[in-house]
Amino acid sequence: MRTPATAWRRWFGMLFLILAGGMLIWGLTVLRPHLSGRGFVIYWTLCFLFTGLSLLTAVVDLFAVRREARAERRALLQRTMMELSRKAKAKAEDQKTATDKMDEPMAENGRNGSTE
């Protein structure tokens, strides 16, 4: 079940992952000679922060998906049990009706036999 909350979680997760990946590539190639001292620490801390945020978003999404799946399983089980109960009641009524119809000719034969 896709909900707006699920879409936002996935969007933010991808955003953080792309930012972290882009920072990793840029930091190891283009910006390598320019990063030193405090700039180096700040840059790689931000890269690590975006990586952590993408991981955190993935874990939150994992728990949300598991919660939704559990709720859907419960609803499915409840619907199935209700349907089985309804079918069992209908079958019992059909059997009762069939038994009653089978008993009617015997009752009529008993009445006809007593009048003779």
N, C-alpha and C. Protein backbone atom coordinates (compact mmCIF):
# COMPACT_ATOMS: atom_id res chain seq x y z
N MET A 1 0.85 -1.16 0.00
CA MET A 1 0.00 0.00 0.00
C MET A 1 0.91 1.24 0.00
N ARG A 2 0.79 2.03 -1.06
CA ARG A 2 1.60 3.25 -1.16
C ARG A 2 0.82 4.41 -0.55
N THR A 3 1.41 5.00 0.44
CA THR A 3 0.81 6.16 1.08
C THR A 3 1.72 7.36 0.84
N PRO A 4 1.21 8.57 1.02
CA PRO A 4 2.07 9.75 0.87
C PRO A 4 3.26 9.73 1.83
N ALA A 5 3.05 9.20 3.03
CA ALA A 5 4.16 9.12 4.00
C ALA A 5 5.26 8.19 3.48
N THR A 6 4.87 7.10 2.85
CA THR A 6 5.85 6.17 2.29
C THR A 6 6.63 6.84 1.17
N ALA A 7 5.94 7.56 0.33
CA ALA A 7 6.60 8.25 -0.78
C ALA A 7 7.61 9.28 -0.26
N TRP A 8 7.22 10.03 0.78
CA TRP A 8 8.14 11.02 1.35
C TRP A 8 9.37 10.35 1.97
N ARG A 9 9.15 9.25 2.69
CA ARG A 9 10.29 8.55 3.30
C ARG A 9 11.26 8.07 2.22
N ARG A 10 10.72 7.50 1.17
CA ARG A 10 11.59 6.99 0.09
C ARG A 10 12.30 8.15 -0.62
N TRP A 11 11.59 9.25 -0.81
CA TRP A 11 12.18 10.39 -1.48
C TRP A 11 13.33 10.96 -0.66
N PHE A 12 13.12 11.14 0.63
CA PHE A 12 14.18 11.66 1.49
C PHE A 12 15.35 10.68 1.59
N GLY A 13 15.06 9.41 1.65
CA GLY A 13 16.12 8.41 1.69
C GLY A 13 17.00 8.48 0.45
N MET A 14 16.36 8.59 -0.71
CA MET A 14 17.13 8.69 -1.96
C MET A 14 17.91 10.00 -2.02
N LEU A 15 17.31 11.09 -1.56
CA LEU A 15 18.00 12.37 -1.55
C LEU A 15 19.26 12.30 -0.71
N PHE A 16 19.14 11.78 0.51
CA PHE A 16 20.31 11.68 1.39
C PHE A 16 21.37 10.75 0.81
N LEU A 17 20.92 9.67 0.20
CA LEU A 17 21.87 8.73 -0.40
C LEU A 17 22.60 9.34 -1.59
N ILE A 18 21.89 10.07 -2.42
CA ILE A 18 22.52 10.73 -3.58
C ILE A 18 23.48 11.82 -3.11
N LEU A 19 23.08 12.59 -2.11
CA LEU A 19 23.98 13.61 -1.57
C LEU A 19 25.26 12.98 -1.00
N ALA A 20 25.10 11.91 -0.23
CA ALA A 20 26.28 11.26 0.35
C ALA A 20 27.17 10.67 -0.73
N GLY A 21 26.58 10.03 -1.71
CA GLY A 21 27.36 9.45 -2.82
C GLY A 21 28.06 10.52 -3.63
N GLY A 22 27.34 11.60 -3.92
CA GLY A 22 27.95 12.70 -4.67
C GLY A 22 29.08 13.34 -3.90
N MET A 23 28.88 13.52 -2.61
CA MET A 23 29.95 14.11 -1.79
C MET A 23 31.16 13.18 -1.73
N LEU A 24 30.91 11.88 -1.66
CA LEU A 24 32.00 10.91 -1.64
C LEU A 24 32.83 10.99 -2.92
N ILE A 25 32.14 10.98 -4.05
CA ILE A 25 32.85 11.03 -5.35
C ILE A 25 33.60 12.36 -5.49
N TRP A 26 32.93 13.47 -5.19
CA TRP A 26 33.58 14.78 -5.32
C TRP A 26 34.75 14.92 -4.35
N GLY A 27 34.57 14.40 -3.13
CA GLY A 27 35.62 14.52 -2.13
C GLY A 27 36.85 13.70 -2.46
N LEU A 28 36.66 12.57 -3.14
CA LEU A 28 37.80 11.72 -3.50
C LEU A 28 38.45 12.12 -4.83
N THR A 29 37.76 12.94 -5.63
CA THR A 29 38.32 13.30 -6.95
C THR A 29 38.59 14.80 -7.04
N VAL A 30 37.58 15.57 -7.30
CA VAL A 30 37.72 16.99 -7.63
C VAL A 30 38.21 17.81 -6.43
N LEU A 31 37.63 17.60 -5.26
CA LEU A 31 37.92 18.44 -4.10
C LEU A 31 39.11 17.95 -3.26
N ARG A 32 39.67 16.81 -3.60
CA ARG A 32 40.75 16.25 -2.78
C ARG A 32 41.90 17.23 -2.54
N PRO A 33 42.41 17.89 -3.56
CA PRO A 33 43.52 18.80 -3.29
C PRO A 33 43.11 20.05 -2.50
N HIS A 34 41.85 20.38 -2.50
CA HIS A 34 41.39 21.60 -1.84
C HIS A 34 40.96 21.37 -0.39
N LEU A 35 40.75 20.12 0.00
CA LEU A 35 40.29 19.83 1.36
C LEU A 35 41.50 19.60 2.27
N SER A 36 41.58 20.43 3.27
CA SER A 36 42.64 20.26 4.26
C SER A 36 42.21 20.92 5.56
N GLY A 37 42.73 20.45 6.65
CA GLY A 37 42.44 21.03 7.95
C GLY A 37 40.98 20.98 8.35
N ARG A 38 40.47 22.12 8.74
CA ARG A 38 39.09 22.22 9.21
C ARG A 38 38.08 21.91 8.08
N GLY A 39 38.33 22.35 6.88
CA GLY A 39 37.45 22.09 5.73
C GLY A 39 37.32 20.60 5.47
N PHE A 40 38.42 19.85 5.62
CA PHE A 40 38.42 18.40 5.44
C PHE A 40 37.47 17.75 6.45
N VAL A 41 37.61 18.13 7.70
CA VAL A 41 36.78 17.55 8.77
C VAL A 41 35.31 17.90 8.57
N ILE A 42 35.02 19.13 8.26
CA ILE A 42 33.63 19.56 8.05
C ILE A 42 33.02 18.84 6.85
N TYR A 43 33.76 18.78 5.75
CA TYR A 43 33.25 18.15 4.53
C TYR A 43 32.91 16.68 4.78
N TRP A 44 33.85 15.93 5.38
CA TRP A 44 33.62 14.51 5.58
C TRP A 44 32.62 14.25 6.71
N THR A 45 32.49 15.17 7.63
CA THR A 45 31.44 15.04 8.65
C THR A 45 30.07 15.18 8.00
N LEU A 46 29.94 16.15 7.09
CA LEU A 46 28.67 16.30 6.36
C LEU A 46 28.37 15.07 5.51
N CYS A 47 29.39 14.54 4.87
CA CYS A 47 29.20 13.32 4.06
C CYS A 47 28.73 12.17 4.95
N PHE A 48 29.38 12.01 6.10
CA PHE A 48 28.98 10.98 7.05
C PHE A 48 27.57 11.24 7.58
N LEU A 49 27.21 12.49 7.81
CA LEU A 49 25.87 12.85 8.29
C LEU A 49 24.80 12.45 7.27
N PHE A 50 25.04 12.75 6.00
CA PHE A 50 24.07 12.38 4.96
C PHE A 50 23.97 10.86 4.83
N THR A 51 25.10 10.16 4.99
CA THR A 51 25.06 8.70 4.95
C THR A 51 24.23 8.17 6.12
N GLY A 52 24.45 8.73 7.30
CA GLY A 52 23.67 8.31 8.47
C GLY A 52 22.19 8.62 8.33
N LEU A 53 21.87 9.77 7.76
CA LEU A 53 20.47 10.13 7.54
C LEU A 53 19.79 9.18 6.56
N SER A 54 20.52 8.77 5.52
CA SER A 54 19.93 7.81 4.57
C SER A 54 19.71 6.47 5.24
N LEU A 55 20.64 6.07 6.10
CA LEU A 55 20.49 4.81 6.83
C LEU A 55 19.32 4.90 7.82
N LEU A 56 19.22 6.00 8.53
CA LEU A 56 18.12 6.19 9.47
C LEU A 56 16.77 6.19 8.75
N THR A 57 16.70 6.85 7.61
CA THR A 57 15.47 6.87 6.83
C THR A 57 15.11 5.46 6.37
N ALA A 58 16.10 4.68 5.98
CA ALA A 58 15.85 3.30 5.56
C ALA A 58 15.31 2.45 6.71
N VAL A 59 15.86 2.62 7.90
CA VAL A 59 15.39 1.86 9.06
C VAL A 59 13.96 2.27 9.42
N VAL A 60 13.67 3.56 9.40
CA VAL A 60 12.30 4.03 9.68
C VAL A 60 11.34 3.46 8.64
N ASP A 61 11.74 3.46 7.38
CA ASP A 61 10.90 2.92 6.32
C ASP A 61 10.70 1.41 6.52
N LEU A 62 11.74 0.71 6.93
CA LEU A 62 11.63 -0.72 7.19
C LEU A 62 10.58 -1.01 8.25
N PHE A 63 10.64 -0.29 9.36
CA PHE A 63 9.65 -0.50 10.43
C PHE A 63 8.25 -0.12 9.99
N ALA A 64 8.13 0.94 9.21
CA ALA A 64 6.81 1.37 8.73
C ALA A 64 6.21 0.33 7.78
N VAL A 65 7.04 -0.20 6.90
CA VAL A 65 6.55 -1.21 5.95
C VAL A 65 6.16 -2.48 6.69
N ARG A 66 6.95 -2.87 7.69
CA ARG A 66 6.60 -4.05 8.47
C ARG A 66 5.29 -3.84 9.23
N ARG A 67 5.08 -2.64 9.78
CA ARG A 67 3.84 -2.34 10.49
C ARG A 67 2.65 -2.39 9.54
N GLU A 68 2.80 -1.81 8.34
CA GLU A 68 1.71 -1.84 7.35
C GLU A 68 1.42 -3.26 6.90
N ALA A 69 2.47 -4.06 6.69
CA ALA A 69 2.27 -5.45 6.27
C ALA A 69 1.56 -6.25 7.35
N ARG A 70 1.91 -6.01 8.61
CA ARG A 70 1.25 -6.70 9.72
C ARG A 70 -0.23 -6.33 9.77
N ALA A 71 -0.53 -5.06 9.58
CA ALA A 71 -1.93 -4.61 9.59
C ALA A 71 -2.71 -5.22 8.42
N GLU A 72 -2.07 -5.30 7.25
CA GLU A 72 -2.75 -5.90 6.10
C GLU A 72 -2.97 -7.39 6.30
N ARG A 73 -2.00 -8.07 6.93
CA ARG A 73 -2.18 -9.50 7.21
C ARG A 73 -3.33 -9.72 8.17
N ARG A 74 -3.41 -8.89 9.20
CA ARG A 74 -4.51 -9.02 10.16
C ARG A 74 -5.86 -8.78 9.48
N ALA A 75 -5.92 -7.76 8.64
CA ALA A 75 -7.17 -7.46 7.94
C ALA A 75 -7.55 -8.60 7.00
N LEU A 76 -6.57 -9.16 6.32
CA LEU A 76 -6.84 -10.28 5.42
C LEU A 76 -7.33 -11.49 6.20
N LEU A 77 -6.69 -11.78 7.32
CA LEU A 77 -7.11 -12.91 8.14
C LEU A 77 -8.53 -12.69 8.65
N GLN A 78 -8.84 -11.48 9.07
CA GLN A 78 -10.18 -11.18 9.57
C GLN A 78 -11.22 -11.33 8.47
N ARG A 79 -10.91 -10.80 7.27
CA ARG A 79 -11.85 -10.94 6.14
C ARG A 79 -12.04 -12.41 5.77
N THR A 80 -10.96 -13.18 5.78
CA THR A 80 -11.05 -14.59 5.43
C THR A 80 -11.89 -15.35 6.45
N MET A 81 -11.67 -15.07 7.72
CA MET A 81 -12.45 -15.75 8.76
C MET A 81 -13.93 -15.38 8.68
N MET A 82 -14.22 -14.12 8.40
CA MET A 82 -15.61 -13.70 8.25
C MET A 82 -16.26 -14.41 7.06
N GLU A 83 -15.52 -14.51 5.96
CA GLU A 83 -16.06 -15.16 4.76
C GLU A 83 -16.28 -16.66 5.02
N LEU A 84 -15.33 -17.30 5.69
CA LEU A 84 -15.49 -18.72 6.02
C LEU A 84 -16.68 -18.94 6.94
N SER A 85 -16.85 -18.05 7.90
CA SER A 85 -17.98 -18.15 8.82
C SER A 85 -19.29 -17.99 8.06
N ARG A 86 -19.33 -17.03 7.16
CA ARG A 86 -20.54 -16.81 6.37
C ARG A 86 -20.85 -18.03 5.50
N LYS A 87 -19.83 -18.60 4.88
CA LYS A 87 -20.04 -19.78 4.03
C LYS A 87 -20.48 -20.98 4.87
N ALA A 88 -19.91 -21.13 6.07
CA ALA A 88 -20.30 -22.25 6.94
C ALA A 88 -21.76 -22.12 7.35
N LYS A 89 -22.19 -20.89 7.68
CA LYS A 89 -23.59 -20.68 8.05
C LYS A 89 -24.51 -20.97 6.87
N ALA A 90 -24.12 -20.53 5.69
CA ALA A 90 -24.94 -20.78 4.50
C ALA A 90 -25.03 -22.27 4.21
N LYS A 91 -23.92 -22.97 4.38
CA LYS A 91 -23.90 -24.41 4.13
C LYS A 91 -24.77 -25.14 5.15
N ALA A 92 -24.70 -24.73 6.41
CA ALA A 92 -25.54 -25.34 7.45
C ALA A 92 -27.02 -25.11 7.17
N GLU A 93 -27.35 -23.90 6.72
CA GLU A 93 -28.76 -23.63 6.38
C GLU A 93 -29.20 -24.45 5.19
N ASP A 94 -28.34 -24.61 4.19
CA ASP A 94 -28.68 -25.43 3.02
C ASP A 94 -28.88 -26.88 3.43
N GLN A 95 -28.02 -27.38 4.32
CA GLN A 95 -28.18 -28.77 4.77
C GLN A 95 -29.46 -28.93 5.58
N LYS A 96 -29.78 -27.93 6.40
CA LYS A 96 -31.02 -28.00 7.18
C LYS A 96 -32.23 -27.98 6.25
N THR A 97 -32.19 -27.14 5.23
CA THR A 97 -33.29 -27.07 4.27
C THR A 97 -33.43 -28.39 3.52
N ALA A 98 -32.30 -28.97 3.13
CA ALA A 98 -32.33 -30.24 2.41
C ALA A 98 -32.86 -31.35 3.31
N THR A 99 -32.48 -31.35 4.57
CA THR A 99 -32.97 -32.36 5.52
C THR A 99 -34.46 -32.19 5.75
N ASP A 100 -34.90 -30.95 5.86
CA ASP A 100 -36.33 -30.69 6.05
C ASP A 100 -37.13 -31.17 4.85
N LYS A 101 -36.61 -30.97 3.65
CA LYS A 101 -37.31 -31.41 2.44
C LYS A 101 -37.36 -32.92 2.37
N MET A 102 -36.30 -33.57 2.85
CA MET A 102 -36.29 -35.04 2.83
C MET A 102 -37.28 -35.59 3.85
N ASP A 103 -37.48 -34.90 4.96
CA ASP A 103 -38.40 -35.34 6.00
C ASP A 103 -39.85 -35.14 5.60
N GLU A 104 -40.16 -34.18 4.75
CA GLU A 104 -41.54 -33.89 4.36
C GLU A 104 -42.21 -35.07 3.68
N PRO A 105 -41.60 -35.76 2.70
CA PRO A 105 -42.30 -36.91 2.09
C PRO A 105 -42.57 -38.01 3.10
N MET A 106 -41.68 -38.21 4.06
CA MET A 106 -41.92 -39.25 5.07
C MET A 106 -43.11 -38.87 5.93
N ALA A 107 -43.20 -37.62 6.26
CA ALA A 107 -44.33 -37.17 7.08
C ALA A 107 -45.62 -37.31 6.29
N GLU A 108 -45.59 -37.01 5.00
CA GLU A 108 -46.80 -37.14 4.17
C GLU A 108 -47.17 -38.61 4.04
N ASN A 109 -46.21 -39.50 3.87
CA ASN A 109 -46.50 -40.94 3.79
C ASN A 109 -47.10 -41.45 5.09
N GLY A 110 -46.64 -40.94 6.18
CA GLY A 110 -47.19 -41.36 7.48
C GLY A 110 -48.63 -40.90 7.61
N ARG A 111 -48.94 -39.73 7.13
CA ARG A 111 -50.31 -39.22 7.21
C ARG A 111 -51.19 -40.00 6.26
N ASN A 112 -50.69 -40.30 5.06
CA ASN A 112 -51.51 -41.06 4.11
C ASN A 112 -51.76 -42.45 4.60
N GLY A 113 -50.78 -43.05 5.25
CA GLY A 113 -50.93 -44.42 5.73
C GLY A 113 -51.93 -44.50 6.87
N SER A 114 -52.04 -43.45 7.67
CA SER A 114 -52.93 -43.50 8.83
C SER A 114 -54.39 -43.29 8.41
N THR A 115 -54.64 -42.65 7.28
CA THR A 115 -56.01 -42.41 6.85
C THR A 115 -56.60 -43.62 6.17
N GLU A 116 -55.79 -44.55 5.73
CA GLU A 116 -56.33 -45.71 5.03
C GLU A 116 -56.89 -46.73 5.91
